[in-house]
Amino acid sequence: MIEGGADIQVELGNWAKVHNGILEKLAKAKLDGREAKCLFFLLRMTYGKQEKQHDISLSLWAEGTDIDKRHVKPILDQLIQRRIIYRVDGKRGRGNTAIYGFNKYFEQWDNEEKVPSTVPNKKVPPTVPFVETDLEEKVPSTVPEKVPSTVPIIERKAEKPAAADPNDPMALMRLAYQIVSKFGPSTATEKGKTNLAIACNLIDRYGFMACHRMLDTLKERNAAMIRANKQGIGAPMPYLQTLMEDEQGKAICTPQSSTVNFALEELV
C-alpha cells in the first residue's frame, strides 16, 4: 500500500496499462461521480492486475469506492445497462462473487444522454404529512404558525377581506379579525357574543364607515407590533372600541339599541 506520492514511480511497477483512446473516450463519457468511482476501481482491479476481468464482491466494491454497499449494485447495473462494463455471474452460494470487466468497445456504449442514477446521494427524508385547511392550500401540520393564544383560530385564509355589508355587524367583526390575520371565536361562544355586541354598538354609535376607517389605524398598530417582534393584537374588537372612544372622545355604554337586541336574540 502506498503512503504518499513519492511511492508512485513507474519503475516500481503497480500500474495499469490504459490506452490513450480509452482515456479520451472516458473523458467525454456522461458519468456521474459514483459511476466514475466504480469505473476507476474496476480498471484498478482488472487492468491494474494485467487482467481483462476480475471477480469482485459487493463488499469489495464498497470498500474500494467508499460507496454504501446497498447502493453499489444499482450503480453497477446502470453501467452494465449502458454497456460500459459487463458482468459474468458467479456460482450460486455464499462466498461466490460475480466477475466484472471493462468493455473497451466504446462504440457500443450508450452515451447519448446521461441516465439519472437510481440511487439517491442522500437518504430521502420521510414525506411531511399535510393537513388540508382550504381547498386550494395545504399547510404542513408539523410546522404550525405562531398565533396569539387569546383568540382561538377557527379558520385561516390568505385572501384579502371581501367587501363588507355596512348593515351587517358580523361584517365589521370579520374585517377586524381579518386585519390581524385570523378569524375570531364563533358567535356561539360567550366571547363571540361579546364581540358581536361591541360591533353592533359601534355601528349604532358611529356608523359602519367611521368604524371601517378606524380599521386602518388598527391595521397600522398591528403591523407595528409585528415589526417590533411583538405578538400583535389579540382581541381586535375591544381594541377597535378603545380606538373609537379615543377618537370620538366619548364612552360607549352597554348596547341597548334595537339592532343590537335583534342581533343578540338571533344568537339564542
Protein backbone atom coordinates (compact mmCIF):
# COMPACT_ATOMS: atom_id res chain seq x y z
CA MET A 1 0.00 0.00 0.00
CA ILE A 2 1.37 3.40 -0.94
CA GLU A 3 1.75 6.06 1.74
CA GLY A 4 2.39 9.10 -0.45
CA GLY A 5 3.06 10.39 -3.92
CA ALA A 6 6.74 9.55 -3.61
CA ASP A 7 5.83 5.87 -3.68
CA ILE A 8 4.28 6.25 -7.14
CA GLN A 9 7.12 5.62 -9.59
CA VAL A 10 6.94 3.89 -12.98
CA GLU A 11 9.99 1.78 -12.24
CA LEU A 12 8.35 0.41 -9.12
CA GLY A 13 5.57 -1.19 -11.15
CA ASN A 14 1.99 -1.50 -9.85
CA TRP A 15 0.44 0.44 -12.71
CA ALA A 16 -2.37 -0.16 -15.18
CA LYS A 17 -1.95 0.00 -18.95
CA VAL A 18 -4.88 2.02 -20.27
CA HIS A 19 -4.87 3.01 -23.93
CA ASN A 20 -4.96 6.74 -24.63
CA GLY A 21 -8.03 6.21 -26.79
CA ILE A 22 -9.92 4.77 -23.81
CA LEU A 23 -8.91 7.72 -21.62
CA GLU A 24 -10.10 10.15 -24.30
CA LYS A 25 -13.49 8.43 -24.55
CA LEU A 26 -13.90 8.25 -20.77
CA ALA A 27 -13.11 11.98 -20.51
CA LYS A 28 -16.17 12.66 -22.70
CA ALA A 29 -18.43 9.99 -21.21
CA LYS A 30 -21.54 11.16 -19.41
CA LEU A 31 -20.87 9.67 -15.98
CA ASP A 32 -21.88 10.87 -12.55
CA GLY A 33 -19.43 10.85 -9.67
CA ARG A 34 -20.28 7.43 -8.28
CA GLU A 35 -20.35 5.78 -11.70
CA ALA A 36 -16.87 7.19 -12.34
CA LYS A 37 -15.62 5.90 -8.97
CA CYS A 38 -16.85 2.39 -9.74
CA LEU A 39 -15.32 2.54 -13.22
CA PHE A 40 -11.91 3.65 -11.88
CA PHE A 41 -11.97 0.87 -9.29
CA LEU A 42 -12.82 -1.70 -11.97
CA LEU A 43 -9.83 -0.55 -14.07
CA ARG A 44 -7.66 -0.87 -10.97
CA MET A 45 -8.88 -4.44 -10.32
CA THR A 46 -8.57 -5.56 -13.96
CA TYR A 47 -6.01 -3.59 -15.99
CA GLY A 48 -4.13 -2.90 -12.75
CA LYS A 49 -3.69 -6.67 -12.35
CA GLN A 50 -2.94 -7.11 -16.06
CA GLU A 51 -6.29 -8.88 -16.42
CA LYS A 52 -9.34 -8.25 -18.62
CA GLN A 53 -11.86 -9.22 -15.93
CA HIS A 54 -11.86 -10.00 -12.25
CA ASP A 55 -14.21 -11.33 -9.57
CA ILE A 56 -15.24 -8.50 -7.22
CA SER A 57 -17.70 -8.83 -4.35
CA LEU A 58 -20.11 -6.05 -3.42
CA SER A 59 -18.24 -5.63 -0.14
CA LEU A 60 -15.00 -5.09 -2.04
CA TRP A 61 -16.73 -2.58 -4.35
CA ALA A 62 -17.95 -0.69 -1.28
CA GLU A 63 -14.51 -0.74 0.36
CA GLY A 64 -12.72 0.38 -2.80
CA THR A 65 -15.09 3.25 -3.64
CA ASP A 66 -16.38 4.39 -0.22
CA ILE A 67 -19.93 3.89 -1.53
CA ASP A 68 -22.52 2.29 0.72
CA LYS A 69 -22.79 -1.41 -0.11
CA ARG A 70 -26.57 -1.08 -0.53
CA HIS A 71 -26.04 1.43 -3.35
CA VAL A 72 -23.27 -0.34 -5.24
CA LYS A 73 -25.38 -2.85 -7.18
CA PRO A 74 -27.80 -0.28 -8.72
CA ILE A 75 -24.80 1.76 -9.89
CA LEU A 76 -23.16 -1.29 -11.46
CA ASP A 77 -26.46 -2.29 -13.08
CA GLN A 78 -26.66 1.19 -14.60
CA LEU A 79 -23.14 0.89 -16.08
CA ILE A 80 -23.96 -2.59 -17.38
CA GLN A 81 -27.20 -1.35 -18.96
CA ARG A 82 -25.18 1.35 -20.74
CA ARG A 83 -22.75 -1.39 -21.88
CA ILE A 84 -19.70 0.41 -20.41
CA ILE A 85 -18.90 -2.60 -18.21
CA TYR A 86 -20.10 -6.19 -18.22
CA ARG A 87 -20.76 -8.82 -15.58
CA VAL A 88 -20.37 -12.58 -15.64
CA ASP A 89 -22.42 -14.02 -12.80
CA GLY A 90 -20.50 -16.28 -10.46
CA LYS A 91 -21.67 -19.55 -8.99
CA ARG A 92 -24.62 -19.53 -6.64
CA GLY A 93 -23.91 -19.79 -2.95
CA ARG A 94 -22.15 -17.98 -0.17
CA GLY A 95 -18.62 -16.85 -0.94
CA ASN A 96 -19.09 -16.86 -4.71
CA THR A 97 -18.88 -13.47 -6.42
CA ALA A 98 -19.64 -12.12 -9.88
CA ILE A 99 -16.92 -11.40 -12.43
CA TYR A 100 -16.74 -7.88 -13.90
CA GLY A 101 -14.89 -6.47 -16.87
CA PHE A 102 -14.50 -3.20 -18.79
CA ASN A 103 -15.98 -3.02 -22.31
CA LYS A 104 -13.29 -1.40 -24.46
CA TYR A 105 -15.61 -1.28 -27.48
CA PHE A 106 -16.73 2.28 -26.80
CA GLU A 107 -18.87 2.36 -29.96
CA GLN A 108 -21.28 0.08 -28.07
CA TRP A 109 -21.64 2.47 -25.12
CA ASP A 110 -24.93 4.19 -24.53
CA ASN A 111 -23.54 7.71 -24.24
CA GLU A 112 -26.19 9.76 -26.00
CA GLU A 113 -27.81 11.05 -22.83
CA LYS A 114 -26.95 10.83 -19.15
CA VAL A 115 -29.27 8.34 -17.45
CA PRO A 116 -30.22 9.55 -13.93
CA SER A 117 -28.84 7.40 -11.16
CA THR A 118 -31.36 5.17 -9.43
CA VAL A 119 -29.63 5.67 -6.08
CA PRO A 120 -30.13 8.94 -4.16
CA ASN A 121 -26.98 10.71 -2.93
CA LYS A 122 -28.50 11.17 0.49
CA LYS A 123 -31.19 9.45 2.44
CA VAL A 124 -34.52 10.98 1.46
CA PRO A 125 -36.41 12.28 4.49
CA PRO A 126 -39.91 10.91 5.02
CA THR A 127 -42.75 12.83 3.45
CA VAL A 128 -44.10 15.55 5.73
CA PRO A 129 -47.80 14.95 6.37
CA PHE A 130 -50.15 17.71 5.37
CA VAL A 131 -53.44 18.79 6.89
CA GLU A 132 -55.90 20.30 4.47
CA THR A 133 -57.22 23.64 5.77
CA ASP A 134 -58.50 25.01 2.48
CA LEU A 135 -59.47 23.51 -0.87
CA GLU A 136 -56.63 25.40 -2.56
CA GLU A 137 -53.98 25.44 0.13
CA LYS A 138 -52.23 22.84 2.28
CA VAL A 139 -50.22 23.72 5.39
CA PRO A 140 -47.69 21.27 6.95
CA SER A 141 -49.24 20.09 10.20
CA THR A 142 -45.80 19.73 11.82
CA VAL A 143 -45.00 23.44 11.49
CA PRO A 144 -47.90 25.41 12.99
CA GLU A 145 -47.77 29.17 12.76
CA LYS A 146 -47.43 31.09 15.99
CA VAL A 147 -50.62 32.98 16.76
CA PRO A 148 -51.94 34.81 19.85
CA SER A 149 -53.46 32.38 22.30
CA THR A 150 -56.16 34.83 23.41
CA VAL A 151 -58.32 34.22 20.36
CA PRO A 152 -58.75 30.60 19.17
CA ILE A 153 -58.44 30.06 15.44
CA ILE A 154 -61.42 28.65 13.58
CA GLU A 155 -60.23 29.24 10.04
CA ARG A 156 -57.29 30.89 8.29
CA LYS A 157 -57.33 32.33 4.78
CA ALA A 158 -54.78 34.20 2.68
CA GLU A 159 -57.13 36.21 0.51
CA LYS A 160 -57.95 39.88 1.13
CA PRO A 161 -61.12 40.73 3.09
CA ALA A 162 -64.20 40.72 0.88
CA ALA A 163 -66.46 43.74 0.51
CA ALA A 164 -68.46 44.20 3.71
CA ASP A 165 -72.16 44.86 4.13
CA PRO A 166 -72.45 48.17 6.08
CA ASN A 167 -75.67 46.90 7.71
CA ASP A 168 -74.13 43.67 8.99
CA PRO A 169 -72.37 43.82 12.39
CA MET A 170 -70.76 40.46 11.63
CA ALA A 171 -69.06 42.08 8.63
CA LEU A 172 -67.30 44.59 10.87
CA MET A 173 -66.22 41.81 13.22
CA ARG A 174 -64.87 39.70 10.35
CA LEU A 175 -62.94 42.65 8.91
CA ALA A 176 -61.36 43.41 12.26
CA TYR A 177 -60.22 39.82 12.70
CA GLN A 178 -59.01 39.52 9.10
CA ILE A 179 -56.75 42.51 9.66
CA VAL A 180 -54.88 40.59 12.34
CA SER A 181 -54.74 37.55 10.01
CA LYS A 182 -57.24 35.28 11.79
CA PHE A 183 -60.91 34.73 12.41
CA GLY A 184 -62.18 35.18 15.92
CA PRO A 185 -64.33 32.99 18.14
CA SER A 186 -67.62 31.59 16.95
CA THR A 187 -70.69 33.71 17.71
CA ALA A 188 -71.98 30.72 19.64
CA THR A 189 -69.35 31.34 22.35
CA GLU A 190 -69.56 33.97 25.07
CA LYS A 191 -66.55 35.79 23.63
CA GLY A 192 -68.17 35.72 20.19
CA LYS A 193 -71.39 37.22 21.57
CA THR A 194 -69.43 39.94 23.32
CA ASN A 195 -67.54 40.83 20.16
CA LEU A 196 -70.77 40.94 18.13
CA ALA A 197 -72.36 43.20 20.74
CA ILE A 198 -69.35 45.54 20.51
CA ALA A 199 -69.64 45.59 16.71
CA CYS A 200 -73.38 46.37 16.87
CA ASN A 201 -72.80 49.14 19.39
CA LEU A 202 -70.00 50.73 17.34
CA ILE A 203 -72.13 50.75 14.20
CA ASP A 204 -75.11 52.25 16.06
CA ARG A 205 -72.99 54.93 17.69
CA TYR A 206 -70.66 55.96 14.91
CA GLY A 207 -71.80 54.27 11.72
CA PHE A 208 -70.17 51.48 9.78
CA MET A 209 -67.99 53.69 7.56
CA ALA A 210 -66.47 55.53 10.53
CA CYS A 211 -65.64 52.21 12.13
CA HIS A 212 -64.28 50.93 8.82
CA ARG A 213 -61.94 53.93 8.56
CA MET A 214 -60.68 53.26 12.08
CA LEU A 215 -59.76 49.74 10.99
CA ASP A 216 -56.89 51.32 9.04
CA THR A 217 -55.47 52.55 12.35
CA LEU A 218 -55.97 49.08 13.80
CA LYS A 219 -54.08 47.61 10.86
CA GLU A 220 -51.18 50.05 11.31
CA ARG A 221 -50.93 49.35 15.04
CA ASN A 222 -50.96 45.58 14.45
CA ALA A 223 -48.25 45.83 11.76
CA ALA A 224 -46.09 47.99 14.06
CA MET A 225 -46.33 45.38 16.83
CA ILE A 226 -45.28 42.60 14.45
CA ARG A 227 -42.34 44.65 13.16
CA ALA A 228 -41.25 45.10 16.78
CA ASN A 229 -41.32 41.29 17.21
CA LYS A 230 -44.39 41.50 19.42
CA GLN A 231 -47.37 39.18 19.34
CA GLY A 232 -49.72 41.61 17.63
CA ILE A 233 -53.30 42.48 18.54
CA GLY A 234 -55.04 39.50 20.10
CA ALA A 235 -58.51 40.99 20.66
CA PRO A 236 -59.26 43.35 17.76
CA MET A 237 -62.88 44.19 18.64
CA PRO A 238 -62.17 45.57 22.14
CA TYR A 239 -59.10 47.30 20.67
CA LEU A 240 -61.27 48.89 17.96
CA GLN A 241 -63.74 50.04 20.61
CA THR A 242 -60.91 51.75 22.52
CA LEU A 243 -59.71 53.45 19.33
CA MET A 244 -63.21 54.74 18.56
CA GLU A 245 -63.66 56.02 22.11
CA ASP A 246 -60.33 57.84 21.97
CA GLU A 247 -61.15 59.25 18.55
CA GLN A 248 -64.67 60.40 19.40
CA GLY A 249 -63.96 61.37 23.00
CA LYS A 250 -66.98 59.65 24.38
CA ALA A 251 -67.55 56.35 26.23
CA ILE A 252 -69.64 53.61 24.77
CA CYS A 253 -72.42 52.40 27.01
CA THR A 254 -73.87 48.93 27.14
CA PRO A 255 -75.67 48.45 23.81
CA GLN A 256 -79.43 48.87 24.11
CA SER A 257 -80.46 49.67 20.52
CA SER A 258 -82.98 47.60 18.60
CA THR A 259 -80.25 46.50 16.17
CA VAL A 260 -78.17 45.08 18.99
CA ASN A 261 -81.14 43.41 20.68
CA PHE A 262 -82.19 41.83 17.39
CA ALA A 263 -78.64 40.54 16.76
CA LEU A 264 -78.33 39.06 20.22
CA GLU A 265 -81.76 37.41 20.00
CA GLU A 266 -80.59 35.66 16.84
CA LEU A 267 -77.76 34.03 18.84
CA VAL A 268 -80.03 32.46 21.45
